[in-house]
Amino acid sequence: MALSKKLILASGSPRRVELLAQAGIEPDKLMPMEIDETPAKSEHPRSLARRLSKEKAEAARAAIVSDPALKGHFILSADTVVSVGRRSIGKPERVDEASNALYLLSGRSHRVFTGVCVITPSGKLRQTIVETRVRFKRLSTVEIDSYLASGQWRGKAGGYAIQGFAGAFVVKLVGSYTNVVGLPLYETVGLLTGEGYDVHLNWLEAR
């Protein structure tokens, strides 16, 4: 039995694909959306995550509007922002940027915000924002240099991937673990099922 309604994931993130698979969801199409992720002046990290997830979903909707084969699909997007106070830490592109991020997070608490956005086949837009608090141990120079050498910081919000080696840095986590990985499953599944996307059909076929 196939799902009667299909899903577009407005992301190319392998982590989000893996998390959706954990919940029994397989997107029918991946549509990574390239948008400007620069925070606006004085924009709070929570607001940034909400805005970027909405912009990605709307960009995907605009991209499929002229494609009859994709009409009637759900669109799912997400954006994760790591912050210390009101300062957003982006996705480092260079080693020095990742190093600066790790030194900033070392021995401190930070927050991880993920905005999740769903656009239904009828055009209804639903959003939620999820917050997780994370505290890192005080990192030594050897730990930071070794982590940078691993390359696991590349393309990751805040310059780390909690599901990898950086999981050993975490002293305390309050909230959703999957949110820190990149997609809060409880809230995402809730949004989709609340709008009529039947996640559980795949569960019935998993035997």
Protein backbone atom coordinates (compact mmCIF):
# COMPACT_ATOMS: atom_id res chain seq x y z
CA MET A 1 0.00 0.00 0.00
CA ALA A 2 1.50 3.36 -1.00
CA LEU A 3 1.00 6.65 0.73
CA SER A 4 -1.83 8.48 -0.98
CA LYS A 5 -0.11 11.83 -0.54
CA LYS A 6 3.50 12.45 -1.40
CA LEU A 7 6.21 14.49 0.23
CA ILE A 8 8.88 16.88 -1.01
CA LEU A 9 11.75 17.58 1.37
CA ALA A 10 13.14 21.04 0.70
CA SER A 11 16.59 19.96 1.84
CA GLY A 12 19.48 17.81 0.69
CA SER A 13 20.65 17.04 4.23
CA PRO A 14 21.48 13.33 4.66
CA ARG A 15 20.84 13.75 8.38
CA ARG A 16 17.26 14.89 7.81
CA VAL A 17 16.65 12.06 5.34
CA GLU A 18 17.95 9.56 7.91
CA LEU A 19 15.80 11.04 10.67
CA LEU A 20 12.68 10.87 8.51
CA ALA A 21 13.50 7.25 7.68
CA GLN A 22 13.66 6.56 11.42
CA ALA A 23 10.03 7.68 11.59
CA GLY A 24 9.09 5.59 8.55
CA ILE A 25 8.97 8.53 6.14
CA GLU A 26 10.68 8.46 2.77
CA PRO A 27 10.47 11.73 0.81
CA ASP A 28 9.40 11.30 -2.79
CA LYS A 29 11.66 14.12 -3.91
CA LEU A 30 14.57 16.08 -2.43
CA MET A 31 14.68 19.75 -3.39
CA PRO A 32 17.54 21.58 -1.67
CA MET A 33 16.76 25.29 -1.70
CA GLU A 34 19.62 27.76 -1.89
CA ILE A 35 18.62 30.91 -0.02
CA ASP A 36 20.52 33.68 1.73
CA GLU A 37 20.88 32.54 5.35
CA THR A 38 22.46 35.76 6.59
CA PRO A 39 20.73 36.94 9.79
CA ALA A 40 19.01 40.30 9.59
CA LYS A 41 20.32 43.02 11.86
CA SER A 42 19.41 42.23 15.50
CA GLU A 43 17.46 39.13 14.37
CA HIS A 44 17.02 36.67 17.22
CA PRO A 45 18.25 33.12 16.48
CA ARG A 46 14.74 31.74 17.10
CA SER A 47 13.27 34.17 14.57
CA LEU A 48 16.04 33.34 12.11
CA ALA A 49 15.30 29.61 12.24
CA ARG A 50 11.59 30.28 11.77
CA ARG A 51 12.13 32.66 8.86
CA LEU A 52 14.61 30.46 7.00
CA SER A 53 12.47 27.33 7.26
CA LYS A 54 9.51 29.28 5.86
CA GLU A 55 11.56 30.78 3.04
CA LYS A 56 12.86 27.34 2.04
CA ALA A 57 9.36 25.88 1.95
CA GLU A 58 8.03 28.81 -0.06
CA ALA A 59 10.96 28.59 -2.48
CA ALA A 60 10.17 24.92 -3.05
CA ARG A 61 6.49 25.73 -3.62
CA ALA A 62 7.45 28.34 -6.20
CA ALA A 63 9.78 25.86 -7.91
CA ILE A 64 7.07 23.23 -8.42
CA VAL A 65 4.16 25.49 -9.32
CA SER A 66 4.58 24.82 -13.05
CA ASP A 67 5.17 21.07 -12.69
CA PRO A 68 1.86 19.13 -12.82
CA ALA A 69 3.61 15.96 -11.63
CA LEU A 70 4.40 17.57 -8.29
CA LYS A 71 1.03 19.13 -7.60
CA GLY A 72 -0.67 17.68 -4.56
CA HIS A 73 2.59 17.04 -2.70
CA PHE A 74 3.31 18.07 0.85
CA ILE A 75 6.40 20.26 1.26
CA LEU A 76 8.58 19.93 4.35
CA SER A 77 11.47 22.21 5.22
CA ALA A 78 13.63 22.88 8.26
CA ASP A 79 16.48 25.11 9.35
CA THR A 80 18.68 24.72 12.41
CA VAL A 81 20.41 27.61 14.17
CA VAL A 82 22.89 27.30 17.05
CA SER A 83 23.23 30.31 19.33
CA VAL A 84 25.06 31.63 22.34
CA GLY A 85 22.87 34.31 23.83
CA ARG A 86 21.51 36.32 20.92
CA ARG A 87 24.48 35.47 18.72
CA SER A 88 23.77 33.01 15.91
CA ILE A 89 26.57 30.65 14.94
CA GLY A 90 26.27 29.70 11.30
CA LYS A 91 27.54 26.72 9.32
CA PRO A 92 31.32 27.18 9.09
CA GLU A 93 32.83 26.94 5.63
CA ARG A 94 36.46 27.24 6.72
CA VAL A 95 38.52 25.58 9.44
CA ASP A 96 39.16 28.88 11.21
CA GLU A 97 35.41 29.56 11.40
CA ALA A 98 34.78 26.11 12.86
CA SER A 99 37.62 26.61 15.34
CA ASN A 100 36.17 29.92 16.51
CA ALA A 101 32.75 28.29 16.95
CA LEU A 102 34.13 25.43 19.06
CA TYR A 103 36.15 27.75 21.28
CA LEU A 104 33.01 29.83 21.80
CA LEU A 105 30.95 26.77 22.75
CA SER A 106 33.66 25.25 24.96
CA GLY A 107 32.56 25.03 28.61
CA ARG A 108 29.34 26.92 27.92
CA SER A 109 25.66 26.33 27.40
CA HIS A 110 24.10 27.10 24.04
CA ARG A 111 20.73 26.76 22.40
CA VAL A 112 19.74 24.93 19.25
CA PHE A 113 16.65 26.18 17.42
CA THR A 114 15.06 24.33 14.52
CA GLY A 115 12.24 25.86 12.54
CA VAL A 116 10.03 23.28 10.83
CA CYS A 117 7.60 24.27 8.09
CA VAL A 118 4.97 22.25 6.25
CA ILE A 119 2.98 23.41 3.23
CA THR A 120 -0.01 21.20 2.49
CA PRO A 121 -1.30 20.25 -0.99
CA SER A 122 -4.04 22.87 -0.50
CA GLY A 123 -1.44 25.57 0.19
CA LYS A 124 -1.86 25.82 3.96
CA LEU A 125 1.35 26.71 5.78
CA ARG A 126 2.09 25.35 9.26
CA GLN A 127 5.18 26.09 11.35
CA THR A 128 6.73 25.24 14.66
CA ILE A 129 9.99 26.11 16.38
CA VAL A 130 11.81 23.72 18.69
CA GLU A 131 14.48 24.67 21.23
CA THR A 132 17.07 22.43 22.88
CA ARG A 133 19.63 23.52 25.45
CA VAL A 134 23.08 21.92 25.25
CA ARG A 135 26.11 22.32 27.50
CA PHE A 136 29.61 21.42 26.31
CA LYS A 137 32.51 20.36 28.48
CA ARG A 138 35.56 22.60 28.47
CA LEU A 139 37.41 21.54 25.36
CA SER A 140 41.17 21.21 25.24
CA THR A 141 43.20 22.43 22.29
CA VAL A 142 43.93 18.79 21.41
CA GLU A 143 40.21 17.96 21.34
CA ILE A 144 39.37 20.94 19.16
CA ASP A 145 42.26 20.34 16.76
CA SER A 146 41.42 16.64 16.49
CA TYR A 147 37.76 17.38 15.87
CA LEU A 148 38.63 19.91 13.18
CA ALA A 149 40.87 17.32 11.52
CA SER A 150 37.98 14.84 11.44
CA GLY A 151 36.01 17.12 9.10
CA GLN A 152 32.74 16.39 10.89
CA TRP A 153 32.17 20.11 11.41
CA ARG A 154 31.62 20.77 7.69
CA GLY A 155 28.16 22.06 6.86
CA LYS A 156 26.94 21.70 10.44
CA ALA A 157 25.16 24.45 12.37
CA GLY A 158 27.45 25.58 15.17
CA GLY A 159 30.37 23.69 13.66
CA TYR A 160 29.57 20.29 15.18
CA ALA A 161 27.52 17.14 14.67
CA ILE A 162 26.18 15.73 17.93
CA GLN A 163 25.61 12.32 16.32
CA GLY A 164 29.34 12.04 15.63
CA PHE A 165 32.48 12.57 17.70
CA ALA A 166 31.08 15.76 19.22
CA GLY A 167 28.59 13.69 21.17
CA ALA A 168 31.48 13.18 23.62
CA PHE A 169 31.53 16.95 24.27
CA VAL A 170 27.99 17.09 25.65
CA VAL A 171 27.69 17.39 29.43
CA LYS A 172 23.96 18.06 29.47
CA LEU A 173 21.09 18.22 27.01
CA VAL A 174 17.62 19.50 27.82
CA GLY A 175 14.99 18.96 25.13
CA SER A 176 14.90 17.10 21.84
CA TYR A 177 18.04 15.22 20.76
CA THR A 178 16.80 14.87 17.18
CA ASN A 179 16.36 18.63 17.10
CA VAL A 180 20.12 19.02 17.61
CA VAL A 181 20.78 16.49 14.85
CA GLY A 182 18.71 18.66 12.53
CA LEU A 183 15.03 17.68 12.59
CA PRO A 184 12.85 17.30 15.72
CA LEU A 185 10.95 14.11 14.94
CA TYR A 186 8.11 14.41 17.44
CA GLU A 187 7.12 17.86 16.22
CA THR A 188 7.70 17.08 12.54
CA VAL A 189 5.56 13.96 12.60
CA GLY A 190 2.92 15.88 14.53
CA LEU A 191 2.77 18.61 11.90
CA LEU A 192 2.51 16.12 9.04
CA THR A 193 -0.10 13.86 10.60
CA GLY A 194 -2.10 16.87 11.78
CA GLU A 195 -2.43 17.98 8.18
CA GLY A 196 -3.40 14.58 6.78
CA TYR A 197 -0.11 12.95 5.80
CA ASP A 198 -0.44 9.34 6.97
CA VAL A 199 2.95 8.41 8.37
CA HIS A 200 1.71 5.18 9.88
CA LEU A 201 0.94 3.36 6.62
CA ASN A 202 4.64 2.68 6.23
CA TRP A 203 4.78 1.33 9.77
CA LEU A 204 2.16 -1.25 8.81
CA GLU A 205 4.29 -2.36 5.86
CA ALA A 206 7.48 -2.67 7.92
CA ARG A 207 6.88 -6.28 8.95
